[in-house]
């Protein structure tokens, strides 16, 4: 299963550690992680466009940290819900 990793970046000082740990968990369970930290873009809007394009290719979404403080995570959750992409909880 391809799993999109979603989480707050700007409000979490440990976001790299959190995303990498989640990617490791996915790999251990035999899943492939789409890690938005591996996506390069010039600015926030470009990053969101690439992230959404990646999200819609995934079978599941996993939230790696507090999702209540991030506008980007909210958008990703809405897109996942609208596209029928299930939430994976580990």
C-alpha atoms as a PDB file:
ATOM      1  CA  UNK A   1       0.000   0.000   0.000  1.00  0.00           C
ATOM      2  CA  UNK A   2       1.268   3.491  -0.799  1.00  0.00           C
ATOM      3  CA  UNK A   3       0.887   5.779   2.222  1.00  0.00           C
ATOM      4  CA  UNK A   4       1.016   9.579   2.172  1.00  0.00           C
ATOM      5  CA  UNK A   5       2.668  11.052   5.265  1.00  0.00           C
ATOM      6  CA  UNK A   6       0.949  14.201   6.464  1.00  0.00           C
ATOM      7  CA  UNK A   7       1.854  16.424   9.361  1.00  0.00           C
ATOM      8  CA  UNK A   8       2.688  19.873  10.551  1.00  0.00           C
ATOM      9  CA  UNK A   9       6.097  21.121   9.474  1.00  0.00           C
ATOM     10  CA  UNK A  10       6.242  24.745  10.581  1.00  0.00           C
ATOM     11  CA  UNK A  11       4.847  24.163  14.070  1.00  0.00           C
ATOM     12  CA  UNK A  12       6.911  21.088  14.962  1.00  0.00           C
ATOM     13  CA  UNK A  13      10.601  21.423  15.718  1.00  0.00           C
ATOM     14  CA  UNK A  14      10.993  17.630  15.403  1.00  0.00           C
ATOM     15  CA  UNK A  15       9.157  17.254  12.092  1.00  0.00           C
ATOM     16  CA  UNK A  16      12.096  15.612  10.249  1.00  0.00           C
ATOM     17  CA  UNK A  17      12.401  12.976  12.965  1.00  0.00           C
ATOM     18  CA  UNK A  18       8.617  12.439  13.037  1.00  0.00           C
ATOM     19  CA  UNK A  19       8.293  12.041   9.262  1.00  0.00           C
ATOM     20  CA  UNK A  20      11.319   9.744   9.015  1.00  0.00           C
ATOM     21  CA  UNK A  21      10.041   7.571  11.874  1.00  0.00           C
ATOM     22  CA  UNK A  22       6.654   7.256  10.163  1.00  0.00           C
ATOM     23  CA  UNK A  23       8.339   6.339   6.871  1.00  0.00           C
ATOM     24  CA  UNK A  24      10.297   3.656   8.723  1.00  0.00           C
ATOM     25  CA  UNK A  25       7.126   2.227  10.263  1.00  0.00           C
ATOM     26  CA  UNK A  26       5.504   2.061   6.834  1.00  0.00           C
ATOM     27  CA  UNK A  27       8.503   0.261   5.360  1.00  0.00           C
ATOM     28  CA  UNK A  28       8.592  -2.230   8.254  1.00  0.00           C
ATOM     29  CA  UNK A  29       4.948  -3.101   7.551  1.00  0.00           C
ATOM     30  CA  UNK A  30       5.614  -3.557   3.840  1.00  0.00           C
ATOM     31  CA  UNK A  31       4.122  -0.256   2.719  1.00  0.00           C
ATOM     32  CA  UNK A  32       5.673   2.429   0.543  1.00  0.00           C
ATOM     33  CA  UNK A  33       5.699   5.921   2.056  1.00  0.00           C
ATOM     34  CA  UNK A  34       5.233   9.132   0.107  1.00  0.00           C
ATOM     35  CA  UNK A  35       7.216  11.531   2.253  1.00  0.00           C
ATOM     36  CA  UNK A  36       6.581  15.190   1.353  1.00  0.00           C
ATOM     37  CA  UNK A  37       9.963  16.084   2.856  1.00  0.00           C
ATOM     38  CA  UNK A  38      11.464  14.408  -0.211  1.00  0.00           C
ATOM     39  CA  UNK A  39       9.647  16.851  -2.527  1.00  0.00           C
ATOM     40  CA  UNK A  40      11.466  20.001  -3.597  1.00  0.00           C
ATOM     41  CA  UNK A  41       9.626  23.202  -4.451  1.00  0.00           C
ATOM     42  CA  UNK A  42      10.567  26.858  -4.544  1.00  0.00           C
ATOM     43  CA  UNK A  43       7.808  28.002  -2.178  1.00  0.00           C
ATOM     44  CA  UNK A  44       4.864  26.914  -0.033  1.00  0.00           C
ATOM     45  CA  UNK A  45       2.322  27.004  -2.867  1.00  0.00           C
ATOM     46  CA  UNK A  46       4.531  24.946  -5.147  1.00  0.00           C
ATOM     47  CA  UNK A  47       5.102  22.467  -2.355  1.00  0.00           C
ATOM     48  CA  UNK A  48       1.377  22.097  -1.709  1.00  0.00           C
ATOM     49  CA  UNK A  49       0.685  21.519  -5.413  1.00  0.00           C
ATOM     50  CA  UNK A  50       3.261  18.738  -5.544  1.00  0.00           C
ATOM     51  CA  UNK A  51       2.082  17.282  -2.245  1.00  0.00           C
ATOM     52  CA  UNK A  52      -1.555  17.121  -3.385  1.00  0.00           C
ATOM     53  CA  UNK A  53      -0.476  15.540  -6.679  1.00  0.00           C
ATOM     54  CA  UNK A  54       1.390  12.901  -4.656  1.00  0.00           C
ATOM     55  CA  UNK A  55      -1.450  12.412  -2.184  1.00  0.00           C
ATOM     56  CA  UNK A  56      -4.001  11.486  -4.834  1.00  0.00           C
ATOM     57  CA  UNK A  57      -1.735   8.639  -6.010  1.00  0.00           C
ATOM     58  CA  UNK A  58      -1.777   7.060  -2.541  1.00  0.00           C
ATOM     59  CA  UNK A  59      -3.991   4.384  -1.017  1.00  0.00           C
ATOM     60  CA  UNK A  60      -3.871   5.805   2.516  1.00  0.00           C
ATOM     61  CA  UNK A  61      -2.872   8.860   4.514  1.00  0.00           C
ATOM     62  CA  UNK A  62      -1.102   8.776   7.859  1.00  0.00           C
ATOM     63  CA  UNK A  63      -0.891  11.776  10.181  1.00  0.00           C
ATOM     64  CA  UNK A  64       2.500  11.865  11.869  1.00  0.00           C
ATOM     65  CA  UNK A  65       1.950  14.620  14.446  1.00  0.00           C
ATOM     66  CA  UNK A  66      -0.585  17.202  15.652  1.00  0.00           C
ATOM     67  CA  UNK A  67      -2.791  18.028  12.701  1.00  0.00           C
ATOM     68  CA  UNK A  68      -4.744  20.857  14.322  1.00  0.00           C
ATOM     69  CA  UNK A  69      -2.103  23.555  13.831  1.00  0.00           C
ATOM     70  CA  UNK A  70      -1.429  23.265  10.104  1.00  0.00           C
ATOM     71  CA  UNK A  71      -3.399  24.722   7.222  1.00  0.00           C
ATOM     72  CA  UNK A  72      -1.594  22.381   4.825  1.00  0.00           C
ATOM     73  CA  UNK A  73      -2.533  19.281   6.807  1.00  0.00           C
ATOM     74  CA  UNK A  74      -6.163  20.404   6.867  1.00  0.00           C
ATOM     75  CA  UNK A  75      -6.126  20.714   3.069  1.00  0.00           C
ATOM     76  CA  UNK A  76      -4.541  17.266   2.757  1.00  0.00           C
ATOM     77  CA  UNK A  77      -7.171  15.759   5.067  1.00  0.00           C
ATOM     78  CA  UNK A  78     -10.001  17.325   3.070  1.00  0.00           C
ATOM     79  CA  UNK A  79      -8.538  16.045  -0.220  1.00  0.00           C
ATOM     80  CA  UNK A  80      -8.028  12.557   1.234  1.00  0.00           C
ATOM     81  CA  UNK A  81     -11.605  12.470   2.534  1.00  0.00           C
ATOM     82  CA  UNK A  82     -13.001  13.745  -0.774  1.00  0.00           C
ATOM     83  CA  UNK A  83     -11.047  11.129  -2.736  1.00  0.00           C
ATOM     84  CA  UNK A  84     -11.902   8.225  -0.448  1.00  0.00           C
ATOM     85  CA  UNK A  85      -8.311   7.792   0.713  1.00  0.00           C
ATOM     86  CA  UNK A  86      -8.379   5.918   4.009  1.00  0.00           C
ATOM     87  CA  UNK A  87      -6.521   6.948   7.128  1.00  0.00           C
ATOM     88  CA  UNK A  88      -3.868   4.534   8.311  1.00  0.00           C
ATOM     89  CA  UNK A  89      -3.150   4.604  12.031  1.00  0.00           C
ATOM     90  CA  UNK A  90       0.001   2.947  13.323  1.00  0.00           C
END
